[in-house]
């Protein structure tokens, strides 16, 4: 079967499965604390917040991936590979999240998390570039939104070496930017 015969629905279904596995891996990495009660909860709270940030980021990519693939009329060879690269980059999130969960928040761990956050943004942009030229519908995202996100992720890497929490906050700002639904053009 050539890629021209592959429907966007199959690409979307495959991606949904991979993203579901990534989220499952993340939740399996959450560990119970040794201490019980509020003391134990207080110890794992930073890890749970980081898990939440990662889950939201993956969820945002999942939602926007649906919008993007819905814009695709056909699937090309380049789209298949761009999508696989995007999914690979997304699959690194559990590693970076677990790194901070085990090693703690440090300059290096925050920089690693910021770099891992940057990779799906770059690869999603590459996929977007592959899909948009062959789509007749308006895009779900703007270049401006994507460039601002890329710049914040990129800047969060060196910032992590000065202020690790600020680096994570910058990544949180990107999540807030993307939580807003896309503007839909209406014809009246």
Protein backbone atom coordinates (compact mmCIF):
# COMPACT_ATOMS: atom_id res chain seq x y z
CA UNK A 1 0.00 0.00 0.00
CA UNK A 2 1.47 3.35 -0.97
CA UNK A 3 1.28 6.36 1.30
CA UNK A 4 -1.15 7.97 -1.18
CA UNK A 5 -3.65 5.22 -0.27
CA UNK A 6 -3.20 5.75 3.46
CA UNK A 7 -6.03 7.78 4.90
CA UNK A 8 -5.41 10.51 7.43
CA UNK A 9 -7.70 8.54 9.74
CA UNK A 10 -5.20 5.66 9.91
CA UNK A 11 -2.35 8.07 10.69
CA UNK A 12 -4.47 9.66 13.41
CA UNK A 13 -5.44 6.28 14.91
CA UNK A 14 -1.83 5.11 15.01
CA UNK A 15 -0.76 8.37 16.66
CA UNK A 16 -3.57 8.09 19.21
CA UNK A 17 -2.30 4.65 20.20
CA UNK A 18 1.28 5.83 20.61
CA UNK A 19 0.22 8.85 22.66
CA UNK A 20 -1.95 6.62 24.88
CA UNK A 21 1.09 4.41 25.55
CA UNK A 22 3.23 7.47 26.39
CA UNK A 23 0.65 8.66 28.94
CA UNK A 24 0.38 5.14 30.39
CA UNK A 25 4.15 4.94 30.81
CA UNK A 26 4.08 8.27 32.64
CA UNK A 27 1.44 7.23 35.12
CA UNK A 28 3.28 3.97 35.80
CA UNK A 29 6.36 6.01 36.77
CA UNK A 30 4.48 7.75 39.62
CA UNK A 31 5.74 6.13 42.82
CA UNK A 32 4.18 6.06 46.26
CA UNK A 33 6.21 7.79 48.96
CA UNK A 34 7.69 5.83 51.85
CA UNK A 35 6.03 8.15 54.36
CA UNK A 36 2.29 8.01 54.93
CA UNK A 37 -0.28 10.76 55.25
CA UNK A 38 0.30 14.44 54.59
CA UNK A 39 4.07 14.11 54.98
CA UNK A 40 4.19 11.61 52.14
CA UNK A 41 1.81 13.67 50.03
CA UNK A 42 3.96 16.76 50.57
CA UNK A 43 7.02 14.82 49.38
CA UNK A 44 5.41 13.70 46.11
CA UNK A 45 3.55 16.94 45.37
CA UNK A 46 6.34 18.43 43.20
CA UNK A 47 6.44 15.21 41.16
CA UNK A 48 2.66 15.24 40.78
CA UNK A 49 2.76 18.88 39.60
CA UNK A 50 5.46 18.03 37.05
CA UNK A 51 3.41 15.01 35.94
CA UNK A 52 0.42 17.35 35.52
CA UNK A 53 2.48 19.80 33.42
CA UNK A 54 3.72 16.93 31.24
CA UNK A 55 0.25 15.43 30.92
CA UNK A 56 -1.15 18.80 29.87
CA UNK A 57 1.63 19.24 27.29
CA UNK A 58 1.01 15.79 25.81
CA UNK A 59 -2.74 16.45 25.86
CA UNK A 60 -2.26 19.73 24.00
CA UNK A 61 -0.21 17.96 21.35
CA UNK A 62 -2.86 15.24 21.08
CA UNK A 63 -5.66 17.80 20.58
CA UNK A 64 -3.66 19.85 18.07
CA UNK A 65 -2.53 16.71 16.25
CA UNK A 66 -6.22 15.90 15.72
CA UNK A 67 -6.84 19.39 14.32
CA UNK A 68 -3.80 19.10 12.07
CA UNK A 69 -4.57 15.65 10.70
CA UNK A 70 -8.19 16.70 10.11
CA UNK A 71 -6.74 19.41 7.84
CA UNK A 72 -4.87 16.78 5.80
CA UNK A 73 -6.53 15.63 2.61
CA UNK A 74 -3.92 12.96 1.85
CA UNK A 75 -0.95 11.40 3.57
CA UNK A 76 2.47 11.68 1.94
CA UNK A 77 5.66 9.77 2.62
CA UNK A 78 7.12 12.90 4.22
CA UNK A 79 4.10 13.23 6.50
CA UNK A 80 4.52 9.65 7.69
CA UNK A 81 8.15 10.24 8.65
CA UNK A 82 7.46 13.68 10.13
CA UNK A 83 4.71 12.12 12.24
CA UNK A 84 7.00 9.32 13.45
CA UNK A 85 9.69 11.84 14.41
CA UNK A 86 7.05 13.87 16.27
CA UNK A 87 5.87 10.77 18.15
CA UNK A 88 9.45 9.83 19.02
CA UNK A 89 10.06 13.30 20.46
CA UNK A 90 6.83 13.08 22.47
CA UNK A 91 7.93 9.69 23.80
CA UNK A 92 10.89 11.36 25.54
CA UNK A 93 8.59 13.16 28.00
CA UNK A 94 8.33 10.23 30.46
CA UNK A 95 12.15 10.04 30.59
CA UNK A 96 12.60 13.74 31.39
CA UNK A 97 9.70 13.75 33.85
CA UNK A 98 11.03 10.68 35.62
CA UNK A 99 14.54 12.18 35.69
CA UNK A 100 13.28 15.11 37.75
CA UNK A 101 11.11 12.77 39.83
CA UNK A 102 14.12 10.65 40.79
CA UNK A 103 17.02 13.13 40.75
CA UNK A 104 15.06 16.19 41.90
CA UNK A 105 14.78 19.62 40.34
CA UNK A 106 18.23 20.93 39.50
CA UNK A 107 19.72 23.20 36.88
CA UNK A 108 20.50 20.23 34.65
CA UNK A 109 17.19 18.42 35.13
CA UNK A 110 15.20 21.57 34.34
CA UNK A 111 17.34 22.18 31.24
CA UNK A 112 16.82 18.56 30.16
CA UNK A 113 13.05 18.91 30.63
CA UNK A 114 13.06 22.17 28.64
CA UNK A 115 15.06 20.54 25.84
CA UNK A 116 12.68 17.57 25.78
CA UNK A 117 9.79 20.07 25.64
CA UNK A 118 11.41 21.81 22.69
CA UNK A 119 11.81 18.65 20.58
CA UNK A 120 8.09 17.90 20.06
CA UNK A 121 7.48 21.57 19.29
CA UNK A 122 10.12 21.52 16.54
CA UNK A 123 8.92 18.19 15.14
CA UNK A 124 5.24 19.25 15.31
CA UNK A 125 6.15 22.38 13.35
CA UNK A 126 7.86 20.18 10.75
CA UNK A 127 4.72 18.03 10.51
CA UNK A 128 2.59 21.18 10.23
CA UNK A 129 4.79 22.36 7.36
CA UNK A 130 4.18 19.01 5.59
CA UNK A 131 0.39 19.08 6.06
CA UNK A 132 -0.49 22.71 5.39
CA UNK A 133 0.44 23.02 1.68
CA UNK A 134 -1.97 20.26 0.67
CA UNK A 135 -4.87 21.43 2.84
CA UNK A 136 -7.77 23.55 1.64
CA UNK A 137 -9.06 24.46 5.11
CA UNK A 138 -7.80 27.29 7.32
CA UNK A 139 -5.00 26.29 9.73
CA UNK A 140 -5.84 25.51 13.36
CA UNK A 141 -2.71 27.29 14.60
CA UNK A 142 -0.83 30.38 13.60
CA UNK A 143 2.83 30.80 12.81
CA UNK A 144 3.00 33.39 15.57
CA UNK A 145 1.76 30.98 18.22
CA UNK A 146 4.22 28.33 17.12
CA UNK A 147 7.18 30.73 16.97
CA UNK A 148 6.41 32.16 20.42
CA UNK A 149 6.22 28.61 21.80
CA UNK A 150 9.49 27.59 20.18
CA UNK A 151 11.22 30.71 21.52
CA UNK A 152 9.92 30.14 25.05
CA UNK A 153 11.05 26.51 25.03
CA UNK A 154 14.44 27.43 23.60
CA UNK A 155 14.91 30.24 26.13
CA UNK A 156 13.84 27.94 29.00
CA UNK A 157 16.97 25.80 28.44
CA UNK A 158 19.59 28.41 29.43
CA UNK A 159 17.21 29.95 31.99
CA UNK A 160 17.17 26.56 33.74
CA UNK A 161 20.85 27.03 34.61
CA UNK A 162 19.98 30.21 36.49
CA UNK A 163 16.45 29.60 37.79
CA UNK A 164 15.08 26.06 37.33
CA UNK A 165 11.59 26.98 38.55
CA UNK A 166 11.38 29.91 36.13
CA UNK A 167 12.30 27.54 33.32
CA UNK A 168 9.39 25.26 34.24
CA UNK A 169 7.12 28.31 34.55
CA UNK A 170 8.05 29.34 30.99
CA UNK A 171 7.04 25.88 29.80
CA UNK A 172 3.79 26.32 31.72
CA UNK A 173 3.18 29.60 29.88
CA UNK A 174 3.42 27.73 26.57
CA UNK A 175 0.81 25.28 27.85
CA UNK A 176 -1.53 28.15 28.77
CA UNK A 177 -1.07 29.68 25.31
CA UNK A 178 -2.12 26.41 23.67
CA UNK A 179 -4.99 25.65 26.05
CA UNK A 180 -6.98 28.36 24.36
CA UNK A 181 -9.10 26.86 21.56
CA UNK A 182 -8.17 27.74 18.00
CA UNK A 183 -10.06 30.54 16.30
CA UNK A 184 -12.48 29.13 13.78
CA UNK A 185 -13.26 31.22 10.75
CA UNK A 186 -16.97 31.47 10.09
CA UNK A 187 -18.64 32.36 6.85
CA UNK A 188 -21.70 34.51 7.34
